[in-house]
Structures are given as structure tokens and as C-alpha cells.
Amino acid sequence: MKDVKGVIVKIIAEYLDKEESEISVTSTFSEIGLDSLDIMELVMQMQEELDCKIELSQEITTIEQLAKLIEQQQLGGISA
């Protein structure tokens, strides 16, 4: 299984033209400079890269929460 958190951080870092070390997995998307349109664009890229379907909700506000959601879906668990 891919390192989901690592893939998400890489995609966001490239999108924001930042180093991966500058992206905190516990910061909210808005804290790292992403608005809702940015997030939708990134989600499409993440779905392709991670071969998954991501259904975002307002409760998913950090990379860490998003990674957990994707990992649960990949394991066949119930989405958060």
C-alpha cells in the first residue's frame, strides 16, 4: 500500500510550490493556503495518484484526516 500521507503531502507541496517539509499534516487546508477550489483540484489529482474515490465532507479539514479516510476506503472499511 502506498504511503497515503506522503503522497498527499507531495501533491500539495508541488501545487503550492513549497518543500514537503513545509507542509504540516495537522494544519488545516486553509492554514496551508488552500481554498475550496484548490482542494477540489487536488482531490482529483489524489484520486488518480492513489487510485481511489474521495468523498470530502466538511469534517475533513487536515491532511491527516484525509489520509485516514483514504486508508479506510482502501482497506474496505467504512468511510469517516
PDB file of N, CA and C in Angstrom:
ATOM      1  N   MET A   1       0.839  -1.189   0.000  1.00  0.00           N
ATOM      2  CA  MET A   1       0.000   0.000   0.000  1.00  0.00           C
ATOM      3  C   MET A   1       0.883   1.252   0.000  1.00  0.00           C
ATOM      4  N   LYS A   2       0.474   2.234  -0.749  1.00  0.00           N
ATOM      5  CA  LYS A   2       1.244   3.481  -0.819  1.00  0.00           C
ATOM      6  C   LYS A   2       1.171   4.232   0.503  1.00  0.00           C
ATOM      7  N   ASP A   3       2.184   5.059   0.747  1.00  0.00           N
ATOM      8  CA  ASP A   3       2.185   5.962   1.898  1.00  0.00           C
ATOM      9  C   ASP A   3       1.224   7.102   1.562  1.00  0.00           C
ATOM     10  N   VAL A   4      -0.022   6.960   1.990  1.00  0.00           N
ATOM     11  CA  VAL A   4      -1.083   7.889   1.611  1.00  0.00           C
ATOM     12  C   VAL A   4      -0.736   9.315   2.046  1.00  0.00           C
ATOM     13  N   LYS A   5      -0.338   9.473   3.307  1.00  0.00           N
ATOM     14  CA  LYS A   5       0.001  10.812   3.808  1.00  0.00           C
ATOM     15  C   LYS A   5       1.126  11.424   2.985  1.00  0.00           C
ATOM     16  N   GLY A   6       2.143  10.613   2.684  1.00  0.00           N
ATOM     17  CA  GLY A   6       3.285  11.098   1.905  1.00  0.00           C
ATOM     18  C   GLY A   6       2.878  11.548   0.513  1.00  0.00           C
ATOM     19  N   VAL A   7       1.989  10.792  -0.126  1.00  0.00           N
ATOM     20  CA  VAL A   7       1.518  11.145  -1.464  1.00  0.00           C
ATOM     21  C   VAL A   7       0.733  12.454  -1.413  1.00  0.00           C
ATOM     22  N   ILE A   8      -0.146  12.597  -0.411  1.00  0.00           N
ATOM     23  CA  ILE A   8      -0.944  13.817  -0.286  1.00  0.00           C
ATOM     24  C   ILE A   8      -0.031  15.022  -0.059  1.00  0.00           C
ATOM     25  N   VAL A   9       0.938  14.877   0.836  1.00  0.00           N
ATOM     26  CA  VAL A   9       1.870  15.980   1.114  1.00  0.00           C
ATOM     27  C   VAL A   9       2.641  16.353  -0.150  1.00  0.00           C
ATOM     28  N   LYS A  10       3.098  15.357  -0.887  1.00  0.00           N
ATOM     29  CA  LYS A  10       3.855  15.619  -2.123  1.00  0.00           C
ATOM     30  C   LYS A  10       3.000  16.396  -3.123  1.00  0.00           C
ATOM     31  N   ILE A  11       1.768  15.968  -3.318  1.00  0.00           N
ATOM     32  CA  ILE A  11       0.879  16.625  -4.272  1.00  0.00           C
ATOM     33  C   ILE A  11       0.614  18.076  -3.850  1.00  0.00           C
ATOM     34  N   ILE A  12       0.324  18.286  -2.561  1.00  0.00           N
ATOM     35  CA  ILE A  12       0.045  19.642  -2.082  1.00  0.00           C
ATOM     36  C   ILE A  12       1.285  20.518  -2.156  1.00  0.00           C
ATOM     37  N   ALA A  13       2.433  19.974  -1.783  1.00  0.00           N
ATOM     38  CA  ALA A  13       3.680  20.748  -1.835  1.00  0.00           C
ATOM     39  C   ALA A  13       3.978  21.191  -3.268  1.00  0.00           C
ATOM     40  N   GLU A  14       3.822  20.277  -4.217  1.00  0.00           N
ATOM     41  CA  GLU A  14       4.059  20.637  -5.620  1.00  0.00           C
ATOM     42  C   GLU A  14       3.078  21.702  -6.074  1.00  0.00           C
ATOM     43  N   TYR A  15       1.823  21.563  -5.692  1.00  0.00           N
ATOM     44  CA  TYR A  15       0.773  22.512  -6.080  1.00  0.00           C
ATOM     45  C   TYR A  15       1.068  23.909  -5.545  1.00  0.00           C
ATOM     46  N   LEU A  16       1.549  23.969  -4.298  1.00  0.00           N
ATOM     47  CA  LEU A  16       1.830  25.257  -3.657  1.00  0.00           C
ATOM     48  C   LEU A  16       3.260  25.743  -3.902  1.00  0.00           C
ATOM     49  N   ASP A  17       4.040  24.950  -4.651  1.00  0.00           N
ATOM     50  CA  ASP A  17       5.441  25.272  -4.914  1.00  0.00           C
ATOM     51  C   ASP A  17       6.217  25.459  -3.605  1.00  0.00           C
ATOM     52  N   LYS A  18       6.047  24.500  -2.703  1.00  0.00           N
ATOM     53  CA  LYS A  18       6.733  24.507  -1.408  1.00  0.00           C
ATOM     54  C   LYS A  18       7.485  23.196  -1.233  1.00  0.00           C
ATOM     55  N   GLU A  19       8.363  23.172  -0.245  1.00  0.00           N
ATOM     56  CA  GLU A  19       9.040  21.934   0.127  1.00  0.00           C
ATOM     57  C   GLU A  19       8.065  21.075   0.930  1.00  0.00           C
ATOM     58  N   GLU A  20       8.179  19.758   0.791  1.00  0.00           N
ATOM     59  CA  GLU A  20       7.298  18.862   1.552  1.00  0.00           C
ATOM     60  C   GLU A  20       7.426  19.096   3.050  1.00  0.00           C
ATOM     61  N   SER A  21       8.633  19.453   3.510  1.00  0.00           N
ATOM     62  CA  SER A  21       8.857  19.690   4.940  1.00  0.00           C
ATOM     63  C   SER A  21       8.095  20.915   5.458  1.00  0.00           C
ATOM     64  N   GLU A  22       7.636  21.771   4.547  1.00  0.00           N
ATOM     65  CA  GLU A  22       6.883  22.963   4.949  1.00  0.00           C
ATOM     66  C   GLU A  22       5.398  22.669   5.158  1.00  0.00           C
ATOM     67  N   ILE A  23       4.957  21.472   4.785  1.00  0.00           N
ATOM     68  CA  ILE A  23       3.552  21.115   4.860  1.00  0.00           C
ATOM     69  C   ILE A  23       3.304  20.263   6.098  1.00  0.00           C
ATOM     70  N   SER A  24       2.493  20.764   7.027  1.00  0.00           N
ATOM     71  CA  SER A  24       2.167  20.034   8.246  1.00  0.00           C
ATOM     72  C   SER A  24       0.896  19.230   8.028  1.00  0.00           C
ATOM     73  N   VAL A  25       0.936  17.955   8.390  1.00  0.00           N
ATOM     74  CA  VAL A  25      -0.237  17.097   8.192  1.00  0.00           C
ATOM     75  C   VAL A  25      -1.360  17.425   9.161  1.00  0.00           C
ATOM     76  N   THR A  26      -1.061  18.195  10.207  1.00  0.00           N
ATOM     77  CA  THR A  26      -2.093  18.544  11.191  1.00  0.00           C
ATOM     78  C   THR A  26      -2.663  19.941  10.974  1.00  0.00           C
ATOM     79  N   SER A  27      -2.080  20.721  10.070  1.00  0.00           N
ATOM     80  CA  SER A  27      -2.634  22.041   9.757  1.00  0.00           C
ATOM     81  C   SER A  27      -3.874  21.871   8.894  1.00  0.00           C
ATOM     82  N   THR A  28      -4.808  22.811   9.023  1.00  0.00           N
ATOM     83  CA  THR A  28      -5.987  22.746   8.172  1.00  0.00           C
ATOM     84  C   THR A  28      -5.597  23.154   6.757  1.00  0.00           C
ATOM     85  N   PHE A  29      -6.442  22.777   5.802  1.00  0.00           N
ATOM     86  CA  PHE A  29      -6.161  23.130   4.412  1.00  0.00           C
ATOM     87  C   PHE A  29      -6.061  24.647   4.257  1.00  0.00           C
ATOM     88  N   SER A  30      -6.920  25.398   4.931  1.00  0.00           N
ATOM     89  CA  SER A  30      -6.862  26.853   4.813  1.00  0.00           C
ATOM     90  C   SER A  30      -5.581  27.411   5.441  1.00  0.00           C
ATOM     91  N   GLU A  31      -5.097  26.790   6.518  1.00  0.00           N
ATOM     92  CA  GLU A  31      -3.847  27.237   7.152  1.00  0.00           C
ATOM     93  C   GLU A  31      -2.641  27.066   6.225  1.00  0.00           C
ATOM     94  N   ILE A  32      -2.694  26.077   5.340  1.00  0.00           N
ATOM     95  CA  ILE A  32      -1.562  25.898   4.425  1.00  0.00           C
ATOM     96  C   ILE A  32      -1.777  26.609   3.100  1.00  0.00           C
ATOM     97  N   GLY A  33      -2.883  27.364   3.011  1.00  0.00           N
ATOM     98  CA  GLY A  33      -3.082  28.229   1.853  1.00  0.00           C
ATOM     99  C   GLY A  33      -3.972  27.683   0.760  1.00  0.00           C
ATOM    100  N   LEU A  34      -4.832  26.716   1.095  1.00  0.00           N
ATOM    101  CA  LEU A  34      -5.717  26.131   0.085  1.00  0.00           C
ATOM    102  C   LEU A  34      -7.154  26.588   0.300  1.00  0.00           C
ATOM    103  N   ASP A  35      -7.811  26.986  -0.790  1.00  0.00           N
ATOM    104  CA  ASP A  35      -9.237  27.283  -0.699  1.00  0.00           C
ATOM    105  C   ASP A  35     -10.018  26.098  -1.263  1.00  0.00           C
ATOM    106  N   SER A  36     -11.333  26.189  -1.263  1.00  0.00           N
ATOM    107  CA  SER A  36     -12.153  25.041  -1.664  1.00  0.00           C
ATOM    108  C   SER A  36     -11.921  24.629  -3.116  1.00  0.00           C
ATOM    109  N   LEU A  37     -11.664  25.589  -3.999  1.00  0.00           N
ATOM    110  CA  LEU A  37     -11.396  25.239  -5.399  1.00  0.00           C
ATOM    111  C   LEU A  37     -10.058  24.522  -5.540  1.00  0.00           C
ATOM    112  N   ASP A  38      -9.064  24.979  -4.787  1.00  0.00           N
ATOM    113  CA  ASP A  38      -7.760  24.298  -4.788  1.00  0.00           C
ATOM    114  C   ASP A  38      -7.940  22.850  -4.325  1.00  0.00           C
ATOM    115  N   ILE A  39      -8.708  22.683  -3.256  1.00  0.00           N
ATOM    116  CA  ILE A  39      -8.893  21.350  -2.680  1.00  0.00           C
ATOM    117  C   ILE A  39      -9.566  20.420  -3.690  1.00  0.00           C
ATOM    118  N   MET A  40     -10.587  20.912  -4.391  1.00  0.00           N
ATOM    119  CA  MET A  40     -11.270  20.078  -5.376  1.00  0.00           C
ATOM    120  C   MET A  40     -10.303  19.649  -6.492  1.00  0.00           C
ATOM    121  N   GLU A  41      -9.474  20.567  -6.946  1.00  0.00           N
ATOM    122  CA  GLU A  41      -8.496  20.243  -7.985  1.00  0.00           C
ATOM    123  C   GLU A  41      -7.490  19.206  -7.477  1.00  0.00           C
ATOM    124  N   LEU A  42      -7.035  19.390  -6.252  1.00  0.00           N
ATOM    125  CA  LEU A  42      -6.070  18.463  -5.667  1.00  0.00           C
ATOM    126  C   LEU A  42      -6.687  17.094  -5.420  1.00  0.00           C
ATOM    127  N   VAL A  43      -7.944  17.060  -5.008  1.00  0.00           N
ATOM    128  CA  VAL A  43      -8.625  15.787  -4.768  1.00  0.00           C
ATOM    129  C   VAL A  43      -8.665  14.964  -6.056  1.00  0.00           C
ATOM    130  N   MET A  44      -8.934  15.621  -7.181  1.00  0.00           N
ATOM    131  CA  MET A  44      -8.947  14.892  -8.459  1.00  0.00           C
ATOM    132  C   MET A  44      -7.582  14.269  -8.739  1.00  0.00           C
ATOM    133  N   GLN A  45      -6.524  15.021  -8.467  1.00  0.00           N
ATOM    134  CA  GLN A  45      -5.165  14.511  -8.674  1.00  0.00           C
ATOM    135  C   GLN A  45      -4.868  13.363  -7.704  1.00  0.00           C
ATOM    136  N   MET A  46      -5.300  13.507  -6.455  1.00  0.00           N
ATOM    137  CA  MET A  46      -5.071  12.459  -5.449  1.00  0.00           C
ATOM    138  C   MET A  46      -5.818  11.176  -5.817  1.00  0.00           C
ATOM    139  N   GLN A  47      -7.041  11.314  -6.303  1.00  0.00           N
ATOM    140  CA  GLN A  47      -7.821  10.139  -6.702  1.00  0.00           C
ATOM    141  C   GLN A  47      -7.096   9.363  -7.788  1.00  0.00           C
ATOM    142  N   GLU A  48      -6.511  10.097  -8.726  1.00  0.00           N
ATOM    143  CA  GLU A  48      -5.775   9.457  -9.819  1.00  0.00           C
ATOM    144  C   GLU A  48      -4.505   8.782  -9.298  1.00  0.00           C
ATOM    145  N   GLU A  49      -3.754   9.510  -8.488  1.00  0.00           N
ATOM    146  CA  GLU A  49      -2.475   9.017  -7.960  1.00  0.00           C
ATOM    147  C   GLU A  49      -2.665   7.815  -7.025  1.00  0.00           C
ATOM    148  N   LEU A  50      -3.709   7.868  -6.190  1.00  0.00           N
ATOM    149  CA  LEU A  50      -3.928   6.830  -5.184  1.00  0.00           C
ATOM    150  C   LEU A  50      -4.959   5.786  -5.620  1.00  0.00           C
ATOM    151  N   ASP A  51      -5.503   5.964  -6.823  1.00  0.00           N
ATOM    152  CA  ASP A  51      -6.495   5.039  -7.368  1.00  0.00           C
ATOM    153  C   ASP A  51      -7.632   4.799  -6.374  1.00  0.00           C
ATOM    154  N   CYS A  52      -8.287   5.894  -5.992  1.00  0.00           N
ATOM    155  CA  CYS A  52      -9.379   5.804  -5.034  1.00  0.00           C
ATOM    156  C   CYS A  52     -10.424   6.866  -5.348  1.00  0.00           C
ATOM    157  N   LYS A  53     -11.558   6.769  -4.674  1.00  0.00           N
ATOM    158  CA  LYS A  53     -12.614   7.776  -4.791  1.00  0.00           C
ATOM    159  C   LYS A  53     -12.663   8.514  -3.469  1.00  0.00           C
ATOM    160  N   ILE A  54     -12.573   9.833  -3.518  1.00  0.00           N
ATOM    161  CA  ILE A  54     -12.562  10.627  -2.292  1.00  0.00           C
ATOM    162  C   ILE A  54     -13.856  11.432  -2.211  1.00  0.00           C
ATOM    163  N   GLU A  55     -14.621  11.176  -1.172  1.00  0.00           N
ATOM    164  CA  GLU A  55     -15.842  11.942  -0.916  1.00  0.00           C
ATOM    165  C   GLU A  55     -15.554  12.833   0.279  1.00  0.00           C
ATOM    166  N   LEU A  56     -15.252  14.091   0.012  1.00  0.00           N
ATOM    167  CA  LEU A  56     -14.904  15.010   1.095  1.00  0.00           C
ATOM    168  C   LEU A  56     -16.144  15.504   1.810  1.00  0.00           C
ATOM    169  N   SER A  57     -15.992  15.710   3.100  1.00  0.00           N
ATOM    170  CA  SER A  57     -17.034  16.335   3.890  1.00  0.00           C
ATOM    171  C   SER A  57     -16.391  17.495   4.635  1.00  0.00           C
ATOM    172  N   GLN A  58     -17.212  18.321   5.243  1.00  0.00           N
ATOM    173  CA  GLN A  58     -16.669  19.476   5.959  1.00  0.00           C
ATOM    174  C   GLN A  58     -15.875  19.067   7.185  1.00  0.00           C
ATOM    175  N   GLU A  59     -16.053  17.823   7.647  1.00  0.00           N
ATOM    176  CA  GLU A  59     -15.288  17.361   8.810  1.00  0.00           C
ATOM    177  C   GLU A  59     -13.828  17.069   8.447  1.00  0.00           C
ATOM    178  N   ILE A  60     -13.554  16.859   7.165  1.00  0.00           N
ATOM    179  CA  ILE A  60     -12.187  16.566   6.722  1.00  0.00           C
ATOM    180  C   ILE A  60     -11.497  17.894   6.441  1.00  0.00           C
ATOM    181  N   THR A  61     -10.648  18.311   7.383  1.00  0.00           N
ATOM    182  CA  THR A  61     -10.018  19.631   7.249  1.00  0.00           C
ATOM    183  C   THR A  61      -8.493  19.587   7.245  1.00  0.00           C
ATOM    184  N   THR A  62      -7.910  18.399   7.490  1.00  0.00           N
ATOM    185  CA  THR A  62      -6.449  18.285   7.528  1.00  0.00           C
ATOM    186  C   THR A  62      -5.979  17.129   6.645  1.00  0.00           C
ATOM    187  N   ILE A  63      -4.705  17.139   6.325  1.00  0.00           N
ATOM    188  CA  ILE A  63      -4.101  16.054   5.546  1.00  0.00           C
ATOM    189  C   ILE A  63      -4.226  14.744   6.318  1.00  0.00           C
ATOM    190  N   GLU A  64      -4.003  14.812   7.615  1.00  0.00           N
ATOM    191  CA  GLU A  64      -4.073  13.614   8.453  1.00  0.00           C
ATOM    192  C   GLU A  64      -5.459  12.970   8.378  1.00  0.00           C
ATOM    193  N   GLN A  65      -6.522  13.785   8.472  1.00  0.00           N
ATOM    194  CA  GLN A  65      -7.891  13.262   8.394  1.00  0.00           C
ATOM    195  C   GLN A  65      -8.170  12.692   7.002  1.00  0.00           C
ATOM    196  N   LEU A  66      -7.702  13.386   5.976  1.00  0.00           N
ATOM    197  CA  LEU A  66      -7.905  12.922   4.606  1.00  0.00           C
ATOM    198  C   LEU A  66      -7.196  11.588   4.373  1.00  0.00           C
ATOM    199  N   ALA A  67      -5.977  11.463   4.883  1.00  0.00           N
ATOM    200  CA  ALA A  67      -5.217  10.218   4.734  1.00  0.00           C
ATOM    201  C   ALA A  67      -5.942   9.058   5.420  1.00  0.00           C
ATOM    202  N   LYS A  68      -6.489   9.307   6.619  1.00  0.00           N
ATOM    203  CA  LYS A  68      -7.229   8.259   7.331  1.00  0.00           C
ATOM    204  C   LYS A  68      -8.446   7.817   6.530  1.00  0.00           C
ATOM    205  N   LEU A  69      -9.168   8.777   5.949  1.00  0.00           N
ATOM    206  CA  LEU A  69     -10.341   8.465   5.139  1.00  0.00           C
ATOM    207  C   LEU A  69      -9.960   7.572   3.959  1.00  0.00           C
ATOM    208  N   ILE A  70      -8.909   7.946   3.252  1.00  0.00           N
ATOM    209  CA  ILE A  70      -8.467   7.176   2.084  1.00  0.00           C
ATOM    210  C   ILE A  70      -8.003   5.785   2.496  1.00  0.00           C
ATOM    211  N   GLU A  71      -7.234   5.695   3.589  1.00  0.00           N
ATOM    212  CA  GLU A  71      -6.744   4.391   4.055  1.00  0.00           C
ATOM    213  C   GLU A  71      -7.906   3.486   4.437  1.00  0.00           C
ATOM    214  N   GLN A  72      -8.938   4.035   5.092  1.00  0.00           N
ATOM    215  CA  GLN A  72     -10.110   3.228   5.446  1.00  0.00           C
ATOM    216  C   GLN A  72     -10.800   2.709   4.192  1.00  0.00           C
ATOM    217  N   GLN A  73     -10.921   3.570   3.199  1.00  0.00           N
ATOM    218  CA  GLN A  73     -11.571   3.163   1.954  1.00  0.00           C
ATOM    219  C   GLN A  73     -10.753   2.085   1.239  1.00  0.00           C
ATOM    220  N   GLN A  74      -9.429   2.229   1.263  1.00  0.00           N
ATOM    221  CA  GLN A  74      -8.577   1.251   0.593  1.00  0.00           C
ATOM    222  C   GLN A  74      -8.601  -0.099   1.297  1.00  0.00           C
ATOM    223  N   LEU A  75      -8.837  -0.094   2.591  1.00  0.00           N
ATOM    224  CA  LEU A  75      -8.908  -1.333   3.358  1.00  0.00           C
ATOM    225  C   LEU A  75     -10.309  -1.931   3.328  1.00  0.00           C
ATOM    226  N   GLY A  76     -11.207  -1.249   2.641  1.00  0.00           N
ATOM    227  CA  GLY A  76     -12.570  -1.738   2.551  1.00  0.00           C
ATOM    228  C   GLY A  76     -13.414  -1.387   3.752  1.00  0.00           C
ATOM    229  N   GLY A  77     -12.904  -0.460   4.560  1.00  0.00           N
ATOM    230  CA  GLY A  77     -13.647  -0.024   5.744  1.00  0.00           C
ATOM    231  C   GLY A  77     -14.718   0.968   5.393  1.00  0.00           C
ATOM    232  N   ILE A  78     -15.411   1.393   6.394  1.00  0.00           N
ATOM    233  CA  ILE A  78     -16.469   2.390   6.210  1.00  0.00           C
ATOM    234  C   ILE A  78     -15.822   3.761   6.218  1.00  0.00           C
ATOM    235  N   SER A  79     -16.231   4.619   5.288  1.00  0.00           N
ATOM    236  CA  SER A  79     -15.634   5.958   5.230  1.00  0.00           C
ATOM    237  C   SER A  79     -16.075   6.781   6.429  1.00  0.00           C
ATOM    238  N   ALA A  80     -15.186   7.682   6.847  1.00  0.00           N
ATOM    239  CA  ALA A  80     -15.462   8.515   8.024  1.00  0.00           C
ATOM    240  C   ALA A  80     -16.433   9.622   7.689  1.00  0.00           C
TER     241      ALA A  80
END
